[in-house]
Amino acid sequence: MLGYEREPHISVGILTEKKIRFELHGDFSSYGFKHFFSGRFEAEIINNNIICKGDKDKLEITDEIIFEPQEPDNESFLIRDVTIGVKFHWERKEKQRFTHSLKLIKDGDKIAVINIIPIEKYLMSVISSEMSAKCSLSMLKATAVVSRSWLLAQIEKSKRIKTEHINYHTTYQTEDEYIKWYDREDHKLFDVCADDHCQRYQGVTKMTSEAVKKAVEQTAGIVLLEGDKILDARFSKSCGGISESFENVWEPVKHPSLSSIYDYKFVADDFDDDFSKEENAAKWIKASPPAFCNTTDQRILNQILLDYDQETKDFYRWKVEYTQQELSELIKKKSGIDFGLIKDLIPVERGFSSRLIKLKIVGTNKTLTIGKELEIRRTLSETHLYSSAFIIEKEGDVNGVPEKLILRGAGWGHGVGLCQIGAAVMAEQGYQFDEIVIHYFKDAVLKKIY
């Protein structure tokens, strides 16, 4: 049915830059060359070719080159100046080590660095990159299944787009609206990228735990299915008490197993979840309703939040304040549009979790409705707002222009699929990995496909 006879290899885009510095630790071969390569190298585009210089070698390649280790599990390559947390508040550069094959390919006037690696080895790193290896085994196994499903679903989707010549759009624009979602349509040279845009992948640098290895090995080949297709499973840090439906965040296609759920054993009965009414959204966001992800247990949070993630505080319910000058300058900088002074931010459409799908920005110069959730989060923050589940409060008034705008919000991330903090709490309470996964992806089926 799904056509997987054995574990597939995948290609992961590590970075794309004008100059690449890397080291080969071991004996690496390359098609067309008789000798092995090792040591330090620099690569850049010169006269439309890739020029790769090492201590002993100088290679000139037209389009691409692949370095393959003789012993994939024991030899490695190191890439310097890899940016992690792209456009997040904790963005930084670090050197990272990888196993298996290194591919350099020309991408315009830059070079794309790609790691070709078996999917289960990739997952060991992803899980350690996304969270602490101190997580319980159930949580790690649940994450392995979700990550594997997402990855294979992306590859299948990419194949279908190419073979069926589908014109895939992610932006809709009129005079009054700008609606955009961010998925993976921009990855033409590899299957997935290595940053949060896809899944965090930081090579063997993050393969730190026997528990992670055990979680991946014990779930090897297991994916979530919806009907006869691999489910495009997703995860985010904290849903805020209610998860969001897929179609409200990405392409407008409904998936029953990616629909909204309450993140608890029972539905909170003190709230009306018809968030098309702003008073209901305000009551939900201002409160702190019971949910698996409503926890302040630092021991559990330490499992999910790596050092740089712990720079984020108060994510279940949060508040951001802007003066008029701060907000108007920020929106102009992030959108490229001079709205003038910001008179109002008006919710136009909310999803099932109260996340804003569309938001109208009313300025003294221009009015425009923007969406979807990530476009809203990017426009209203130097990096990303924690989520688009927020209400707007205004203070002060000078000729119809507020002096301050306060955003009160819920959750961290897009909220679709598995809620990482909620899942970690479930695991601590004794839920098994399959119970955790089916809680977040109702009606999905677990199946081993290779």
Protein backbone atom coordinates (compact mmCIF):
# COMPACT_ATOMS: atom_id res chain seq x y z
CA MET A 1 0.00 0.00 0.00
CA LEU A 2 2.66 2.51 1.04
CA GLY A 3 5.58 1.03 -0.88
CA TYR A 4 8.23 1.00 1.87
CA GLU A 5 10.23 -2.23 1.81
CA ARG A 6 13.10 -0.93 3.93
CA GLU A 7 14.19 2.11 5.92
CA PRO A 8 14.49 5.11 3.58
CA HIS A 9 17.34 7.63 3.44
CA ILE A 10 16.44 11.32 3.53
CA SER A 11 18.19 14.55 2.59
CA VAL A 12 18.37 17.33 5.20
CA GLY A 13 19.34 20.92 4.33
CA ILE A 14 21.78 22.14 6.99
CA LEU A 15 22.54 25.65 5.70
CA THR A 16 22.93 27.68 2.52
CA GLU A 17 25.72 30.27 2.39
CA LYS A 18 28.20 31.90 0.01
CA LYS A 19 31.14 30.28 1.80
CA ILE A 20 31.10 26.95 3.62
CA ARG A 21 33.71 25.75 6.11
CA PHE A 22 33.69 22.05 6.90
CA GLU A 23 35.88 19.21 8.14
CA LEU A 24 35.89 15.55 7.09
CA HIS A 25 36.87 13.28 9.97
CA GLY A 26 37.71 9.89 8.42
CA ASP A 27 38.07 8.62 4.88
CA PHE A 28 35.46 10.02 2.51
CA SER A 29 35.13 9.00 -1.14
CA SER A 30 33.52 10.95 -3.96
CA TYR A 31 32.37 9.65 -7.35
CA GLY A 32 34.95 10.38 -10.05
CA PHE A 33 37.90 10.66 -7.67
CA LYS A 34 40.24 7.77 -6.90
CA HIS A 35 41.61 8.94 -3.55
CA PHE A 36 39.95 9.56 -0.19
CA PHE A 37 39.29 13.00 1.27
CA SER A 38 39.79 14.16 4.86
CA GLY A 39 40.72 17.30 6.80
CA ARG A 40 39.57 20.92 6.60
CA PHE A 41 37.91 22.49 3.55
CA GLU A 42 36.41 25.75 2.36
CA ALA A 43 33.88 25.86 -0.48
CA GLU A 44 32.51 28.82 -2.42
CA ILE A 45 31.11 29.69 -5.84
CA ILE A 46 33.72 31.09 -8.24
CA ASN A 47 32.94 31.62 -11.94
CA ASN A 48 29.66 29.72 -11.50
CA ASN A 49 31.43 26.58 -10.21
CA ILE A 50 31.84 25.17 -6.70
CA ILE A 51 35.50 25.54 -5.73
CA CYS A 52 36.37 23.32 -2.78
CA LYS A 53 39.82 23.87 -1.25
CA GLY A 54 41.46 21.68 1.36
CA ASP A 55 44.95 21.39 2.83
CA LYS A 56 45.91 18.97 0.05
CA ASP A 57 43.09 19.17 -2.48
CA LYS A 58 41.44 21.69 -4.74
CA LEU A 59 38.24 20.52 -6.42
CA GLU A 60 36.22 22.32 -9.08
CA ILE A 61 32.65 21.04 -9.43
CA THR A 62 30.00 22.18 -11.88
CA ASP A 63 26.85 21.56 -9.84
CA GLU A 64 27.20 19.18 -6.90
CA ILE A 65 29.49 16.79 -5.06
CA ILE A 66 28.79 14.05 -2.51
CA PHE A 67 31.34 12.92 0.08
CA GLU A 68 30.59 9.41 1.35
CA PRO A 69 32.27 7.94 4.47
CA GLN A 70 33.79 4.47 4.37
CA GLU A 71 32.37 3.73 7.83
CA PRO A 72 29.14 5.79 8.16
CA ASP A 73 28.59 5.06 11.85
CA ASN A 74 32.15 5.81 12.95
CA GLU A 75 33.23 8.67 10.68
CA SER A 76 31.74 12.14 10.63
CA PHE A 77 31.90 15.60 9.15
CA LEU A 78 31.73 18.95 10.93
CA ILE A 79 30.04 22.09 9.59
CA ARG A 80 31.02 25.44 11.08
CA ASP A 81 28.77 28.50 11.59
CA VAL A 82 25.41 26.74 11.39
CA THR A 83 22.61 29.10 12.40
CA ILE A 84 20.06 27.63 14.79
CA GLY A 85 16.81 29.26 15.91
CA VAL A 86 16.50 31.17 12.64
CA LYS A 87 14.62 34.46 13.31
CA PHE A 88 13.87 33.44 16.90
CA HIS A 89 14.89 35.60 19.84
CA TRP A 90 17.69 33.14 20.73
CA GLU A 91 19.16 32.81 17.18
CA ARG A 92 22.86 31.89 17.26
CA LYS A 93 25.61 30.10 15.33
CA GLU A 94 27.33 26.89 16.32
CA LYS A 95 29.45 24.13 14.83
CA GLN A 96 27.68 20.83 14.29
CA ARG A 97 28.82 17.28 13.58
CA PHE A 98 27.01 14.84 11.29
CA THR A 99 27.33 11.23 10.15
CA HIS A 100 26.72 9.56 6.78
CA SER A 101 26.95 11.52 3.50
CA LEU A 102 27.70 15.20 2.87
CA LYS A 103 26.31 16.79 -0.28
CA LEU A 104 27.27 20.26 -1.56
CA ILE A 105 25.03 21.61 -4.33
CA LYS A 106 24.96 24.94 -6.12
CA ASP A 107 21.96 27.10 -5.22
CA GLY A 108 22.26 30.29 -7.26
CA ASP A 109 25.32 32.13 -6.01
CA LYS A 110 25.37 30.09 -2.79
CA ILE A 111 26.11 26.53 -1.73
CA ALA A 112 23.54 24.33 -0.01
CA VAL A 113 24.94 21.87 2.53
CA ILE A 114 22.89 18.66 2.72
CA ASN A 115 23.17 15.60 4.95
CA ILE A 116 21.96 12.32 3.44
CA ILE A 117 21.14 9.96 6.29
CA PRO A 118 18.87 6.99 7.20
CA ILE A 119 15.60 8.23 8.65
CA GLU A 120 15.96 6.46 12.02
CA LYS A 121 19.41 8.02 12.61
CA TYR A 122 17.90 11.39 11.69
CA LEU A 123 15.11 10.89 14.21
CA MET A 124 17.55 10.14 17.04
CA SER A 125 19.02 13.58 16.53
CA VAL A 126 15.68 15.35 16.00
CA ILE A 127 14.24 14.07 19.24
CA SER A 128 17.36 15.10 21.16
CA SER A 129 17.40 18.48 19.36
CA GLU A 130 13.73 19.18 20.04
CA MET A 131 13.77 18.25 23.74
CA SER A 132 15.90 16.97 26.56
CA ALA A 133 16.92 13.33 26.48
CA LYS A 134 15.77 13.25 30.13
CA CYS A 135 12.18 12.81 28.93
CA SER A 136 10.34 9.66 29.89
CA LEU A 137 10.50 6.79 27.39
CA SER A 138 6.78 7.12 26.58
CA MET A 139 7.21 10.76 25.61
CA LEU A 140 10.28 10.02 23.50
CA LYS A 141 8.50 7.18 21.70
CA ALA A 142 5.44 9.35 21.02
CA THR A 143 7.70 12.05 19.57
CA ALA A 144 9.50 9.52 17.38
CA VAL A 145 6.21 8.34 15.87
CA VAL A 146 4.99 11.90 15.24
CA SER A 147 8.30 13.05 13.73
CA ARG A 148 8.57 9.97 11.50
CA SER A 149 4.99 10.41 10.28
CA TRP A 150 5.46 14.10 9.54
CA LEU A 151 8.67 13.52 7.63
CA LEU A 152 7.39 10.71 5.43
CA ALA A 153 4.14 12.61 4.79
CA GLN A 154 6.19 15.61 3.60
CA ILE A 155 8.22 13.45 1.24
CA GLU A 156 5.06 11.84 -0.15
CA LYS A 157 3.44 15.25 -0.59
CA SER A 158 6.50 16.61 -2.38
CA LYS A 159 6.52 13.64 -4.76
CA ARG A 160 2.83 14.14 -5.53
CA ILE A 161 3.29 17.86 -6.21
CA LYS A 162 6.12 17.09 -8.64
CA THR A 163 4.57 14.11 -10.44
CA GLU A 164 1.14 15.69 -10.77
CA HIS A 165 2.63 19.12 -11.62
CA ILE A 166 0.49 20.77 -8.96
CA ASN A 167 0.71 24.57 -8.81
CA TYR A 168 1.07 24.85 -5.03
CA HIS A 169 0.17 28.28 -3.64
CA THR A 170 0.73 29.50 -0.09
CA THR A 171 -0.17 33.17 -0.57
CA TYR A 172 -3.47 34.85 -1.40
CA GLN A 173 -3.47 38.61 -1.81
CA THR A 174 -6.10 41.24 -2.62
CA GLU A 175 -6.33 44.97 -2.04
CA ASP A 176 -7.74 44.34 1.44
CA GLU A 177 -6.14 41.05 2.50
CA TYR A 178 -2.75 39.36 2.65
CA ILE A 179 -3.03 35.69 3.64
CA LYS A 180 0.05 33.47 3.75
CA TRP A 181 0.99 30.22 5.45
CA TYR A 182 4.46 28.80 5.88
CA ASP A 183 5.04 25.16 5.11
CA ARG A 184 7.84 23.59 3.06
CA GLU A 185 7.16 24.68 -0.51
CA ASP A 186 10.50 26.47 -0.61
CA HIS A 187 12.60 23.31 -0.11
CA LYS A 188 13.47 22.26 -3.66
CA LEU A 189 16.94 20.75 -3.15
CA PHE A 190 16.30 18.55 -0.13
CA ASP A 191 13.50 16.80 1.76
CA VAL A 192 13.55 18.90 4.95
CA CYS A 193 15.55 21.70 6.53
CA ALA A 194 17.35 21.44 9.86
CA ASP A 195 15.64 24.27 11.76
CA ASP A 196 12.28 24.88 13.46
CA HIS A 197 10.68 25.59 10.08
CA CYS A 198 10.73 21.79 9.69
CA GLN A 199 12.14 19.95 12.71
CA ARG A 200 15.24 20.83 14.70
CA TYR A 201 18.08 18.63 13.51
CA GLN A 202 21.54 19.28 14.91
CA GLY A 203 23.39 16.12 13.91
CA VAL A 204 25.24 13.80 16.27
CA THR A 205 25.96 16.84 18.46
CA LYS A 206 22.54 16.16 20.00
CA MET A 207 22.57 12.35 20.09
CA THR A 208 23.01 12.27 23.82
CA SER A 209 20.94 9.49 25.32
CA GLU A 210 20.44 5.74 25.31
CA ALA A 211 16.78 6.47 26.05
CA VAL A 212 16.42 8.34 22.74
CA LYS A 213 18.09 5.48 20.88
CA LYS A 214 15.78 2.99 22.58
CA ALA A 215 12.67 5.10 21.79
CA VAL A 216 13.52 5.26 18.09
CA GLU A 217 14.53 1.61 17.82
CA GLN A 218 11.41 0.38 19.64
CA THR A 219 9.11 2.38 17.33
CA ALA A 220 11.15 1.91 14.11
CA GLY A 221 8.92 2.11 11.04
CA ILE A 222 5.76 2.95 13.05
CA VAL A 223 3.71 5.85 11.66
CA LEU A 224 0.28 7.39 12.05
CA LEU A 225 -2.14 6.65 9.24
CA GLU A 226 -5.31 8.47 8.24
CA GLY A 227 -7.06 6.10 5.86
CA ASP A 228 -4.38 4.68 3.58
CA LYS A 229 -2.07 7.72 3.81
CA ILE A 230 0.63 8.67 6.28
CA LEU A 231 -0.72 11.45 8.48
CA ASP A 232 0.93 14.86 8.18
CA ALA A 233 1.42 14.86 11.97
CA ARG A 234 2.58 18.08 13.66
CA PHE A 235 3.68 19.21 17.10
CA SER A 236 4.23 22.45 18.97
CA LYS A 237 5.38 23.45 22.45
CA SER A 238 2.08 24.29 24.16
CA CYS A 239 -1.43 24.30 22.71
CA GLY A 240 -2.69 26.52 25.53
CA GLY A 241 -5.45 24.10 26.56
CA ILE A 242 -7.06 23.45 23.15
CA SER A 243 -5.21 22.29 20.05
CA GLU A 244 -5.82 23.91 16.66
CA SER A 245 -7.08 22.33 13.43
CA PHE A 246 -4.68 21.87 10.52
CA GLU A 247 -6.70 23.85 7.97
CA ASN A 248 -6.60 26.98 10.11
CA VAL A 249 -2.80 27.07 10.13
CA TRP A 250 -1.73 25.67 6.75
CA GLU A 251 -3.47 24.80 3.50
CA PRO A 252 -7.28 24.76 3.70
CA VAL A 253 -7.60 20.96 3.71
CA LYS A 254 -9.37 19.24 6.59
CA HIS A 255 -7.79 16.19 8.21
CA PRO A 256 -10.05 14.48 10.79
CA SER A 257 -7.01 13.32 12.76
CA LEU A 258 -5.56 16.86 12.82
CA SER A 259 -8.65 18.53 14.22
CA SER A 260 -8.97 20.42 17.49
CA ILE A 261 -9.10 18.62 20.86
CA TYR A 262 -9.22 19.65 24.52
CA ASP A 263 -5.87 18.88 26.10
CA TYR A 264 -7.30 17.17 29.16
CA LYS A 265 -9.27 14.21 30.49
CA PHE A 266 -12.50 16.18 30.33
CA VAL A 267 -13.85 19.32 28.69
CA ALA A 268 -13.77 22.47 30.80
CA ASP A 269 -17.42 23.29 31.46
CA ASP A 270 -16.95 26.88 32.59
CA PHE A 271 -16.17 28.11 29.07
CA ASP A 272 -18.02 28.56 25.80
CA ASP A 273 -15.62 27.55 23.02
CA ASP A 274 -17.48 29.47 20.31
CA PHE A 275 -14.53 31.79 19.79
CA SER A 276 -16.24 33.65 16.96
CA LYS A 277 -17.60 35.66 19.90
CA GLU A 278 -14.80 37.80 21.30
CA GLU A 279 -16.15 37.68 24.84
CA ASN A 280 -15.65 33.89 24.83
CA ALA A 281 -12.09 34.21 23.53
CA ALA A 282 -11.32 36.84 26.17
CA LYS A 283 -12.71 34.69 29.00
CA TRP A 284 -10.68 31.65 27.82
CA ILE A 285 -7.40 33.52 27.34
CA LYS A 286 -7.64 35.50 30.59
CA ALA A 287 -8.29 32.33 32.59
CA SER A 288 -5.98 29.43 33.41
CA PRO A 289 -8.17 26.39 32.64
CA PRO A 290 -7.06 22.86 33.50
CA ALA A 291 -5.02 21.15 30.79
CA PHE A 292 -2.18 18.68 30.57
CA CYS A 293 0.04 21.52 29.32
CA ASN A 294 -0.98 23.83 32.18
CA THR A 295 2.00 23.00 34.37
CA THR A 296 4.70 24.86 36.25
CA ASP A 297 6.54 21.64 37.20
CA GLN A 298 10.11 22.66 36.41
CA ARG A 299 11.25 19.05 36.30
CA ILE A 300 8.84 18.34 33.43
CA LEU A 301 9.56 21.64 31.68
CA ASN A 302 13.27 20.91 31.82
CA GLN A 303 12.58 17.78 29.79
CA ILE A 304 10.92 19.67 26.95
CA LEU A 305 12.60 23.07 27.05
CA LEU A 306 16.27 23.06 26.14
CA ASP A 307 18.54 25.77 27.52
CA TYR A 308 17.67 28.36 24.89
CA ASP A 309 13.94 27.55 25.05
CA GLN A 310 13.96 28.21 28.79
CA GLU A 311 14.63 31.85 27.93
CA THR A 312 10.87 31.83 27.20
CA LYS A 313 8.75 32.25 30.32
CA ASP A 314 4.99 32.20 31.03
CA PHE A 315 3.98 30.48 27.80
CA TYR A 316 0.64 28.92 28.92
CA ARG A 317 -0.70 32.43 29.46
CA TRP A 318 1.38 35.48 28.54
CA LYS A 319 1.28 39.24 28.03
CA VAL A 320 3.11 41.59 25.65
CA GLU A 321 2.84 45.40 25.83
CA TYR A 322 3.63 47.93 23.08
CA THR A 323 3.63 51.69 23.11
CA GLN A 324 2.10 53.29 20.02
CA GLN A 325 5.54 54.20 18.69
CA GLU A 326 6.92 50.70 19.30
CA LEU A 327 4.00 48.98 17.59
CA SER A 328 3.72 51.26 14.56
CA GLU A 329 7.46 51.06 13.92
CA LEU A 330 7.49 47.29 14.43
CA ILE A 331 4.62 46.63 12.02
CA LYS A 332 6.19 48.89 9.39
CA LYS A 333 9.52 47.08 9.76
CA LYS A 334 8.08 43.57 9.67
CA SER A 335 5.40 44.04 6.98
CA GLY A 336 7.18 46.58 4.79
CA ILE A 337 3.97 48.65 4.84
CA ASP A 338 3.59 52.09 6.39
CA PHE A 339 0.26 51.81 8.21
CA GLY A 340 0.93 55.10 9.98
CA LEU A 341 -0.19 55.13 13.61
CA ILE A 342 -1.99 51.97 14.65
CA LYS A 343 -5.58 52.80 15.58
CA ASP A 344 -6.73 49.23 16.18
CA LEU A 345 -6.03 45.51 15.83
CA ILE A 346 -9.35 43.79 15.12
CA PRO A 347 -9.86 40.01 15.26
CA VAL A 348 -11.54 38.91 12.02
CA GLU A 349 -11.49 35.13 12.30
CA ARG A 350 -10.41 32.72 15.03
CA GLY A 351 -9.78 28.99 14.99
CA PHE A 352 -11.04 26.34 17.41
CA SER A 353 -8.25 27.08 19.93
CA SER A 354 -8.96 30.85 19.84
CA ARG A 355 -5.89 31.35 17.61
CA LEU A 356 -6.36 34.21 15.19
CA ILE A 357 -6.50 33.12 11.57
CA LYS A 358 -7.15 36.65 10.31
CA LEU A 359 -6.37 40.00 11.97
CA LYS A 360 -7.28 43.45 10.65
CA ILE A 361 -4.62 46.12 11.18
CA VAL A 362 -6.22 49.59 11.15
CA GLY A 363 -3.75 52.42 10.67
CA THR A 364 -4.03 56.13 9.96
CA ASN A 365 -2.53 55.48 6.50
CA LYS A 366 -3.78 52.01 5.63
CA THR A 367 -6.05 49.16 6.69
CA LEU A 368 -5.20 45.54 5.83
CA THR A 369 -6.30 42.11 7.00
CA ILE A 370 -3.42 39.65 7.44
CA GLY A 371 -3.17 35.90 8.13
CA LYS A 372 -2.58 33.05 8.78
CA GLU A 373 -1.30 32.54 12.30
CA LEU A 374 2.45 32.67 11.67
CA GLU A 375 2.16 35.77 9.48
CA ILE A 376 0.31 37.44 12.37
CA ARG A 377 2.94 36.31 14.89
CA ARG A 378 5.79 37.53 12.70
CA THR A 379 4.19 40.91 12.03
CA LEU A 380 3.58 41.67 15.70
CA SER A 381 6.97 40.68 17.09
CA GLU A 382 10.68 41.14 16.44
CA THR A 383 10.87 37.33 16.23
CA HIS A 384 7.62 35.40 16.75
CA LEU A 385 4.79 36.00 19.18
CA TYR A 386 4.35 32.91 21.30
CA SER A 387 1.08 32.20 19.48
CA SER A 388 -1.74 33.93 17.63
CA ALA A 389 -4.22 33.09 20.42
CA PHE A 390 -4.45 36.57 21.92
CA ILE A 391 -6.84 39.38 22.69
CA ILE A 392 -6.10 43.09 22.32
CA GLU A 393 -6.51 45.71 25.01
CA LYS A 394 -6.00 49.45 24.39
CA GLU A 395 -4.98 52.13 26.87
CA GLY A 396 -5.03 55.89 26.45
CA ASP A 397 -6.50 57.79 23.53
CA VAL A 398 -5.14 60.70 21.52
CA ASN A 399 -7.51 61.67 18.71
CA GLY A 400 -8.69 58.08 18.28
CA VAL A 401 -5.18 56.59 18.47
CA PRO A 402 -4.35 54.40 21.51
CA GLU A 403 -1.18 55.22 23.43
CA LYS A 404 -0.57 51.59 24.36
CA LEU A 405 -1.74 48.18 23.10
CA ILE A 406 -1.57 45.07 25.27
CA LEU A 407 -1.71 41.55 23.86
CA ARG A 408 -2.82 38.83 26.28
CA GLY A 409 -2.25 35.38 24.88
CA ALA A 410 -2.35 31.60 25.32
CA GLY A 411 0.05 28.84 24.30
CA TRP A 412 3.32 28.62 22.43
CA GLY A 413 3.40 27.67 18.78
CA HIS A 414 0.82 26.84 16.12
CA GLY A 415 -1.00 24.41 18.41
CA VAL A 416 -1.71 21.69 15.83
CA GLY A 417 -1.26 18.03 16.75
CA LEU A 418 0.85 16.88 19.66
CA CYS A 419 1.34 19.40 22.47
CA GLN A 420 4.85 18.66 23.71
CA ILE A 421 4.42 19.95 27.24
CA GLY A 422 1.01 18.30 27.55
CA ALA A 423 2.41 15.02 26.24
CA ALA A 424 5.30 15.17 28.73
CA VAL A 425 2.81 15.62 31.57
CA MET A 426 0.75 12.68 30.29
CA ALA A 427 3.85 10.50 30.18
CA GLU A 428 4.71 11.45 33.78
CA GLN A 429 1.16 10.46 34.77
CA GLY A 430 1.69 6.98 33.35
CA TYR A 431 0.14 7.17 29.87
CA GLN A 432 1.82 4.94 27.27
CA PHE A 433 3.13 6.35 23.99
CA ASP A 434 0.22 5.05 21.90
CA GLU A 435 -2.33 6.54 24.34
CA ILE A 436 -0.54 9.90 24.16
CA VAL A 437 -0.42 9.88 20.37
CA ILE A 438 -4.08 8.92 19.90
CA HIS A 439 -5.15 11.58 22.44
CA TYR A 440 -3.71 14.27 20.17
CA PHE A 441 -4.47 12.60 16.81
CA LYS A 442 -7.95 11.19 17.31
CA ASP A 443 -9.15 8.56 14.81
CA ALA A 444 -5.60 8.00 13.49
CA VAL A 445 -4.18 4.45 13.34
CA LEU A 446 -0.67 3.32 14.30
CA LYS A 447 1.01 0.98 11.80
CA LYS A 448 4.52 -0.37 11.20
CA ILE A 449 5.27 0.17 7.50
CA TYR A 450 8.90 -1.05 7.24
